Amino acid sequence: MTTSFYPPQRTLMGPGPSDVNPRISQAMARPTIGHLDPMFVAMMDEMKELLQYAFQTENQLTIPVSAPGSAGMETCFVNLVEPGDTVIVCQNGVFGGRMKENVERCGATAVMVQDEWGRAVDANKLEDALKGHPEAKVVAFVHAETSTGASSDVKTLVELAHQYDCLTIVDTVTSLGGTELRVDAWGVDAIYSGTQKCLSCVPGLSPVSFNERAIEVIKGRKSPVQSWFLDLNLVMGYWGQGAKRAYHHTAPVNTLYALHESLVILQEEGLENSWTRHRLHHNALKAGLEALGLSFVVPEAERLPQLNAVTIPDGVDDAAVRGALLNDYNLEIGAGLGPMAGTVWRIGLMGYAARKDNVLKCLAALDEVLGRVDAPVNNGVAVAAALAAYE
């Protein structure tokens, strides 16, 4: 007979999901109530305000989509892009490629601006594409490229897009809550994120935000939104302010409790304090990894603190090391994706996982496992280097 499933207690230091704060797990276990219950509706209004704080925006259309970050991405594209449109997509990793797929499934043309994986999006290349495609309607790019750990300059790229009268769609799945992000100050038109990274919530929701310029485009569409479920004209009837709500779908009630709690925790810590904390623990991890002899893929000025891609030492079996960390230390780190598969490890420091004890555990475990396989590294110095960085 099949019995209940009890997962092991892992330390999640891969590219996501991240460790879930115990307060968030407890929030999920609270009694389920109806998704149109007045108490739940009041919580939804609070959640919108908390998300506005996290995004640093006053956009009224700031809500969590009832599905993972990939659905947040699709929400932005299916609502803003119509058949025949031209969209400039900047790709410097896996997730720019997913943007391209969304554009094409909307019946639009994707003009690709390609950058080396592990580097930020090049504003000069984007400007060349904008000059070459005056018909372009939207510019889409990833702020924090999860596949490489590269961070792009949102403010500069958005300003450039607006100079050529384009809307912007920005992927902040890995940046929200972990690194500086200012939707209104930087003029972002449409943005999406995920709950399972620096918010330390469970996977399954995608915060999104749209400014008035984007809403006007949605309202002025010539064709209906191709997705019924993600059509914001319908969803807003449920997420609109106040007590009177139109039924659209059965919201994931307990998962929304979890997101509410994670945003309360973020507010308690302070957004800028969270950004500072991620940077602090990144610097200690960096000191330890470099002392060990590992090198970063991304140049320091373009590097995310919460997603660290490091080159695997020569002759070391990628999967064997990750397997040993998982089996012997209950520690998960991530493999490389696409052309980086087998050549890099992705070490996450996201949300609740961005803690001193996790940094030291990761370095000690990596040190031991790499020593066990006779890797060409400097054993016995990583933890001390991290501690020195903290001091």
Protein backbone atom coordinates (compact mmCIF):
# COMPACT_ATOMS: atom_id res chain seq x y z
CA MET A 1 0.00 0.00 0.00
CA THR A 2 1.26 3.50 -0.85
CA THR A 3 1.95 5.61 2.23
CA SER A 4 2.14 9.36 2.82
CA PHE A 5 5.05 11.24 1.27
CA TYR A 6 7.56 12.79 3.69
CA PRO A 7 10.32 14.71 1.88
CA PRO A 8 13.77 15.09 3.44
CA GLN A 9 14.83 18.40 4.97
CA ARG A 10 17.11 19.87 2.29
CA THR A 11 19.13 23.08 2.20
CA LEU A 12 18.12 24.59 -1.14
CA MET A 13 20.99 26.58 -2.65
CA GLY A 14 20.26 26.02 -6.31
CA PRO A 15 18.56 28.35 -8.80
CA GLY A 16 15.17 27.84 -7.15
CA PRO A 17 13.04 27.00 -5.37
CA SER A 18 14.78 28.46 -2.35
CA ASP A 19 14.41 27.50 1.30
CA VAL A 20 10.89 28.37 2.49
CA ASN A 21 10.75 30.43 5.66
CA PRO A 22 9.03 28.33 8.40
CA ARG A 23 6.56 31.19 8.96
CA ILE A 24 5.41 30.76 5.37
CA SER A 25 4.95 26.99 5.76
CA GLN A 26 2.87 27.65 8.88
CA ALA A 27 0.78 30.22 7.00
CA MET A 28 -0.10 27.62 4.36
CA ALA A 29 -1.47 25.30 7.05
CA ARG A 30 -4.12 27.82 8.18
CA PRO A 31 -7.78 26.97 7.55
CA THR A 32 -8.91 27.19 3.95
CA ILE A 33 -11.73 29.67 3.36
CA GLY A 34 -13.64 30.55 0.21
CA HIS A 35 -11.85 32.64 -2.41
CA LEU A 36 -14.80 35.09 -2.37
CA ASP A 37 -15.02 35.18 1.44
CA PRO A 38 -14.98 38.82 2.70
CA MET A 39 -11.96 38.03 4.92
CA PHE A 40 -10.06 36.62 1.97
CA VAL A 41 -11.00 39.59 -0.24
CA ALA A 42 -9.62 41.95 2.44
CA MET A 43 -6.36 39.96 2.46
CA MET A 44 -6.20 40.27 -1.35
CA ASP A 45 -6.31 44.06 -1.05
CA GLU A 46 -3.47 43.94 1.48
CA MET A 47 -1.49 41.67 -0.83
CA LYS A 48 -1.76 44.13 -3.71
CA GLU A 49 -0.31 46.88 -1.49
CA LEU A 50 2.49 44.58 -0.28
CA LEU A 51 3.35 43.67 -3.89
CA GLN A 52 3.38 47.35 -4.83
CA TYR A 53 5.97 47.85 -2.08
CA ALA A 54 8.08 44.91 -3.28
CA PHE A 55 8.02 46.18 -6.88
CA GLN A 56 8.34 49.83 -5.76
CA THR A 57 5.32 50.86 -7.81
CA GLU A 58 1.95 52.53 -7.47
CA ASN A 59 0.53 50.59 -10.43
CA GLN A 60 -3.07 49.62 -9.63
CA LEU A 61 -2.74 46.52 -11.80
CA THR A 62 -0.29 44.73 -9.50
CA ILE A 63 -1.45 41.19 -8.69
CA PRO A 64 -0.25 37.59 -8.32
CA VAL A 65 -1.16 35.37 -11.27
CA SER A 66 -2.46 31.99 -10.00
CA ALA A 67 0.35 29.99 -11.60
CA PRO A 68 4.20 29.92 -11.61
CA GLY A 69 6.54 32.58 -13.05
CA SER A 70 6.27 31.11 -16.55
CA ALA A 71 2.57 32.05 -16.49
CA GLY A 72 3.51 35.57 -15.42
CA MET A 73 5.72 35.75 -18.49
CA GLU A 74 2.89 34.49 -20.68
CA THR A 75 0.45 36.96 -19.08
CA CYS A 76 2.65 39.86 -20.17
CA PHE A 77 3.08 38.62 -23.74
CA VAL A 78 -0.45 37.44 -24.52
CA ASN A 79 -1.97 40.68 -23.24
CA LEU A 80 0.46 43.12 -24.88
CA VAL A 81 1.42 41.35 -28.12
CA GLU A 82 -0.91 40.79 -31.08
CA PRO A 83 -0.53 38.92 -34.37
CA GLY A 84 1.66 40.90 -36.76
CA ASP A 85 3.50 42.87 -34.05
CA THR A 86 7.30 43.10 -33.92
CA VAL A 87 8.97 42.48 -30.56
CA ILE A 88 12.68 42.97 -29.87
CA VAL A 89 13.87 40.27 -27.48
CA CYS A 90 17.26 40.57 -25.78
CA GLN A 91 18.72 37.13 -25.05
CA ASN A 92 21.73 36.49 -22.83
CA GLY A 93 20.63 33.12 -21.42
CA VAL A 94 17.87 30.50 -21.39
CA PHE A 95 14.99 32.75 -20.39
CA GLY A 96 15.36 35.24 -23.23
CA GLY A 97 14.78 32.22 -25.46
CA ARG A 98 11.50 31.53 -23.69
CA MET A 99 10.44 35.11 -24.36
CA LYS A 100 11.05 34.48 -28.08
CA GLU A 101 8.77 31.42 -27.97
CA ASN A 102 6.01 33.48 -26.35
CA VAL A 103 6.29 36.17 -29.02
CA GLU A 104 6.02 33.65 -31.83
CA ARG A 105 3.07 31.85 -30.23
CA CYS A 106 1.29 35.22 -30.17
CA GLY A 107 1.67 35.35 -33.96
CA ALA A 108 4.24 38.15 -33.76
CA THR A 109 7.81 38.47 -35.07
CA ALA A 110 10.72 38.24 -32.63
CA VAL A 111 13.82 40.27 -33.50
CA MET A 112 16.64 38.78 -31.42
CA VAL A 113 19.44 40.79 -29.82
CA GLN A 114 22.00 38.17 -28.80
CA ASP A 115 24.61 38.61 -26.07
CA GLU A 116 27.16 36.20 -24.71
CA TRP A 117 25.80 33.97 -21.95
CA GLY A 118 27.15 35.27 -18.66
CA ARG A 119 27.12 38.92 -19.74
CA ALA A 120 24.57 41.70 -19.28
CA VAL A 121 22.39 42.82 -22.19
CA ASP A 122 24.36 45.29 -24.35
CA ALA A 123 22.44 48.59 -24.69
CA ASN A 124 24.32 49.47 -27.88
CA LYS A 125 23.13 46.27 -29.58
CA LEU A 126 19.58 47.02 -28.46
CA GLU A 127 19.77 50.52 -29.94
CA ASP A 128 21.00 49.12 -33.25
CA ALA A 129 17.98 46.79 -33.32
CA LEU A 130 15.60 49.64 -32.47
CA LYS A 131 17.03 51.76 -35.28
CA GLY A 132 16.74 48.83 -37.70
CA HIS A 133 13.15 48.02 -36.71
CA PRO A 134 11.12 51.24 -36.35
CA GLU A 135 7.95 49.10 -36.45
CA ALA A 136 8.85 47.43 -33.12
CA LYS A 137 6.14 47.68 -30.47
CA VAL A 138 7.76 46.00 -27.46
CA VAL A 139 11.26 45.42 -26.03
CA ALA A 140 11.57 42.38 -23.75
CA PHE A 141 14.54 41.36 -21.61
CA VAL A 142 15.53 39.54 -18.43
CA HIS A 143 16.73 41.61 -15.47
CA ALA A 144 18.27 38.70 -13.56
CA GLU A 145 19.17 35.82 -15.90
CA THR A 146 18.78 32.71 -13.75
CA SER A 147 20.72 30.49 -16.14
CA THR A 148 23.94 32.50 -15.77
CA GLY A 149 23.70 34.88 -12.80
CA ALA A 150 24.02 38.00 -14.98
CA SER A 151 22.22 41.23 -14.11
CA SER A 152 21.23 43.74 -16.80
CA ASP A 153 20.70 47.49 -16.43
CA VAL A 154 16.92 47.84 -16.37
CA LYS A 155 16.84 51.63 -16.13
CA THR A 156 19.09 52.16 -19.17
CA LEU A 157 17.35 49.54 -21.33
CA VAL A 158 13.86 50.88 -20.51
CA GLU A 159 14.89 54.47 -21.24
CA LEU A 160 16.27 53.35 -24.59
CA ALA A 161 13.09 51.44 -25.49
CA HIS A 162 10.96 54.48 -24.64
CA GLN A 163 13.09 56.73 -26.85
CA TYR A 164 11.91 54.56 -29.75
CA ASP A 165 8.29 54.47 -28.50
CA CYS A 166 8.36 50.82 -27.40
CA LEU A 167 6.71 49.24 -24.38
CA THR A 168 8.92 47.14 -22.11
CA ILE A 169 8.37 43.66 -20.65
CA VAL A 170 10.89 42.75 -17.94
CA ASP A 171 11.54 39.35 -16.31
CA THR A 172 12.38 39.79 -12.61
CA VAL A 173 11.75 36.20 -11.48
CA THR A 174 15.12 36.01 -9.72
CA SER A 175 15.56 39.67 -8.77
CA LEU A 176 12.38 40.63 -6.88
CA GLY A 177 13.26 41.06 -3.21
CA GLY A 178 16.93 40.18 -3.70
CA THR A 179 18.47 43.01 -5.68
CA GLU A 180 17.57 46.61 -6.46
CA LEU A 181 14.39 46.93 -8.52
CA ARG A 182 12.34 50.15 -8.88
CA VAL A 183 9.45 49.75 -11.31
CA ASP A 184 8.13 53.32 -11.24
CA ALA A 185 11.46 55.14 -10.99
CA TRP A 186 12.83 53.11 -13.90
CA GLY A 187 9.66 53.40 -16.00
CA VAL A 188 9.01 49.67 -16.52
CA ASP A 189 5.72 49.09 -18.36
CA ALA A 190 5.06 45.40 -17.66
CA ILE A 191 6.92 43.14 -15.27
CA TYR A 192 6.63 39.62 -13.91
CA SER A 193 8.31 37.59 -11.18
CA GLY A 194 8.02 34.36 -9.20
CA THR A 195 7.42 33.53 -5.55
CA GLN A 196 9.98 30.75 -5.11
CA LYS A 197 13.22 32.75 -5.37
CA CYS A 198 14.11 35.74 -3.17
CA LEU A 199 10.63 35.93 -1.63
CA SER A 200 11.26 32.45 -0.10
CA CYS A 201 7.68 31.44 -0.76
CA VAL A 202 6.47 28.16 -2.24
CA PRO A 203 6.37 27.90 -6.06
CA GLY A 204 3.07 28.42 -7.81
CA LEU A 205 2.34 32.16 -8.05
CA SER A 206 3.64 34.91 -10.32
CA PRO A 207 3.48 38.56 -9.21
CA VAL A 208 2.93 40.92 -12.16
CA SER A 209 2.52 44.67 -12.54
CA PHE A 210 1.36 46.84 -15.47
CA ASN A 211 1.45 50.63 -15.72
CA GLU A 212 -1.24 52.82 -17.31
CA ARG A 213 0.58 52.87 -20.66
CA ALA A 214 0.48 49.08 -20.81
CA ILE A 215 -3.17 48.96 -19.69
CA GLU A 216 -4.14 51.31 -22.54
CA VAL A 217 -2.50 48.92 -25.00
CA ILE A 218 -4.40 45.97 -23.49
CA LYS A 219 -7.72 47.84 -23.65
CA GLY A 220 -7.06 48.93 -27.24
CA ARG A 221 -6.33 45.48 -28.66
CA LYS A 222 -7.73 44.68 -32.11
CA SER A 223 -7.90 40.93 -31.33
CA PRO A 224 -9.00 39.07 -28.19
CA VAL A 225 -6.30 37.84 -25.80
CA GLN A 226 -5.50 34.30 -26.97
CA SER A 227 -5.56 32.90 -23.41
CA TRP A 228 -8.90 32.99 -21.57
CA PHE A 229 -7.28 32.22 -18.20
CA LEU A 230 -4.59 34.92 -18.51
CA ASP A 231 -6.78 37.63 -20.09
CA LEU A 232 -6.27 40.59 -17.75
CA ASN A 233 -9.56 42.15 -18.87
CA LEU A 234 -11.24 39.19 -17.14
CA VAL A 235 -8.82 38.65 -14.25
CA MET A 236 -9.15 42.24 -13.10
CA GLY A 237 -12.84 41.61 -12.42
CA TYR A 238 -11.67 39.28 -9.65
CA TRP A 239 -8.64 41.27 -8.44
CA GLY A 240 -10.30 44.71 -8.61
CA GLN A 241 -10.28 46.79 -5.43
CA GLY A 242 -13.09 46.44 -2.88
CA ALA A 243 -15.63 43.85 -1.84
CA LYS A 244 -17.52 43.26 -5.10
CA ARG A 245 -15.62 40.62 -7.08
CA ALA A 246 -16.56 38.77 -10.25
CA TYR A 247 -15.85 35.03 -10.19
CA HIS A 248 -13.05 34.19 -12.61
CA HIS A 249 -11.25 31.15 -11.19
CA THR A 250 -10.85 29.45 -7.83
CA ALA A 251 -7.78 31.16 -6.44
CA PRO A 252 -5.13 28.97 -4.71
CA VAL A 253 -6.22 30.17 -1.28
CA ASN A 254 -3.54 28.64 0.94
CA THR A 255 -0.74 29.47 -1.50
CA LEU A 256 -1.89 33.09 -1.40
CA TYR A 257 -1.71 32.97 2.41
CA ALA A 258 1.91 31.94 1.92
CA LEU A 259 2.67 34.83 -0.43
CA HIS A 260 0.98 37.30 1.91
CA GLU A 261 3.17 36.07 4.77
CA SER A 262 6.33 36.25 2.66
CA LEU A 263 5.54 39.85 1.73
CA VAL A 264 4.83 40.72 5.37
CA ILE A 265 8.28 39.29 6.22
CA LEU A 266 9.86 41.37 3.44
CA GLN A 267 8.13 44.50 4.75
CA GLU A 268 9.30 43.76 8.30
CA GLU A 269 12.91 43.39 7.17
CA GLY A 270 12.73 46.36 4.81
CA LEU A 271 13.26 46.05 1.07
CA GLU A 272 16.64 47.78 0.99
CA ASN A 273 17.79 45.75 4.01
CA SER A 274 16.93 42.60 2.06
CA TRP A 275 19.00 43.80 -0.90
CA THR A 276 21.90 44.53 1.49
CA ARG A 277 21.60 41.12 3.17
CA HIS A 278 21.81 39.30 -0.16
CA ARG A 279 24.93 41.30 -1.05
CA LEU A 280 26.56 40.61 2.35
CA HIS A 281 26.21 36.84 2.09
CA HIS A 282 27.21 36.87 -1.58
CA ASN A 283 30.47 38.61 -0.68
CA ALA A 284 31.25 35.97 1.94
CA LEU A 285 30.36 33.11 -0.42
CA LYS A 286 32.46 34.74 -3.15
CA ALA A 287 35.46 34.98 -0.82
CA GLY A 288 35.15 31.30 0.07
CA LEU A 289 34.64 30.06 -3.48
CA GLU A 290 37.58 32.09 -4.80
CA ALA A 291 39.80 30.88 -1.95
CA LEU A 292 38.82 27.34 -2.93
CA GLY A 293 39.99 28.16 -6.46
CA LEU A 294 36.65 28.45 -8.26
CA SER A 295 36.06 31.30 -10.72
CA PHE A 296 32.85 33.16 -11.52
CA VAL A 297 31.31 33.11 -14.99
CA VAL A 298 29.93 36.67 -14.79
CA PRO A 299 32.18 39.75 -14.44
CA GLU A 300 31.80 41.31 -11.00
CA ALA A 301 30.05 44.50 -12.19
CA GLU A 302 27.32 42.45 -13.93
CA ARG A 303 26.94 39.74 -11.28
CA LEU A 304 23.82 38.91 -9.28
CA PRO A 305 24.37 38.41 -5.54
CA GLN A 306 21.62 35.79 -5.32
CA LEU A 307 22.66 33.50 -8.19
CA ASN A 308 26.33 32.53 -8.42
CA ALA A 309 27.52 30.66 -11.51
CA VAL A 310 31.01 29.21 -11.01
CA THR A 311 33.16 27.18 -13.39
CA ILE A 312 33.57 23.49 -12.57
CA PRO A 313 37.27 22.57 -12.08
CA ASP A 314 38.97 20.52 -14.81
CA GLY A 315 38.36 16.79 -14.61
CA VAL A 316 35.55 17.05 -12.05
CA ASP A 317 32.30 15.15 -12.68
CA ASP A 318 29.50 17.70 -12.37
CA ALA A 319 26.69 15.27 -11.52
CA ALA A 320 28.82 13.23 -9.10
CA VAL A 321 29.67 16.28 -6.99
CA ARG A 322 26.07 17.52 -6.93
CA GLY A 323 24.92 14.01 -6.06
CA ALA A 324 27.38 13.79 -3.16
CA LEU A 325 26.26 17.17 -1.83
CA LEU A 326 22.62 16.07 -2.00
CA ASN A 327 23.09 12.59 -0.57
CA ASP A 328 25.71 13.32 2.10
CA TYR A 329 24.81 16.89 3.11
CA ASN A 330 21.16 17.31 2.02
CA LEU A 331 22.45 20.32 0.09
CA GLU A 332 21.15 21.18 -3.38
CA ILE A 333 23.09 23.31 -5.86
CA GLY A 334 22.16 23.71 -9.52
CA ALA A 335 23.59 22.42 -12.78
CA GLY A 336 24.31 24.56 -15.82
CA LEU A 337 21.70 24.99 -18.56
CA GLY A 338 22.03 25.03 -22.35
CA PRO A 339 25.62 25.53 -23.54
CA MET A 340 26.73 25.80 -19.89
CA ALA A 341 25.53 22.30 -18.98
CA GLY A 342 28.35 20.32 -17.40
CA THR A 343 30.67 23.33 -17.16
CA VAL A 344 29.17 25.42 -14.33
CA TRP A 345 27.43 25.09 -11.00
CA ARG A 346 24.72 27.57 -10.05
CA ILE A 347 24.70 28.35 -6.33
CA GLY A 348 21.69 30.26 -5.09
CA LEU A 349 21.54 32.61 -2.11
CA MET A 350 17.89 33.55 -2.25
CA GLY A 351 15.59 34.90 0.42
CA TYR A 352 15.56 32.79 3.59
CA ALA A 353 18.49 30.75 2.19
CA ALA A 354 20.73 33.86 2.20
CA ARG A 355 22.10 33.19 5.68
CA LYS A 356 25.56 32.86 7.22
CA ASP A 357 25.01 29.24 8.30
CA ASN A 358 24.06 28.27 4.73
CA VAL A 359 27.11 30.00 3.25
CA LEU A 360 29.43 28.19 5.66
CA LYS A 361 27.69 24.83 5.19
CA CYS A 362 27.90 25.11 1.41
CA LEU A 363 31.60 26.00 1.44
CA ALA A 364 32.51 23.27 3.95
CA ALA A 365 30.56 20.64 2.01
CA LEU A 366 32.01 21.66 -1.36
CA ASP A 367 35.51 21.68 0.15
CA GLU A 368 35.09 18.14 1.48
CA VAL A 369 33.50 16.67 -1.65
CA LEU A 370 36.04 18.27 -4.01
CA GLY A 371 38.84 16.99 -1.80
CA ARG A 372 37.32 13.53 -1.92
CA VAL A 373 37.51 13.49 -5.74
CA ASP A 374 41.03 15.00 -5.84
CA ALA A 375 39.86 18.14 -7.63
CA PRO A 376 42.56 20.75 -8.37
CA VAL A 377 41.40 23.15 -5.64
CA ASN A 378 42.78 24.69 -2.43
CA ASN A 379 41.27 22.56 0.32
CA GLY A 380 40.79 23.76 3.87
CA VAL A 381 40.67 27.52 3.30
CA ALA A 382 37.17 28.34 2.03
CA VAL A 383 35.34 28.65 5.35
CA ALA A 384 38.08 30.78 6.88
CA ALA A 385 38.00 33.12 3.88
CA ALA A 386 34.22 33.52 4.21
CA LEU A 387 34.49 34.22 7.94
CA ALA A 388 37.14 36.84 7.25
CA ALA A 389 34.81 38.47 4.73
CA TYR A 390 32.05 38.63 7.35
CA GLU A 391 34.43 40.30 9.81
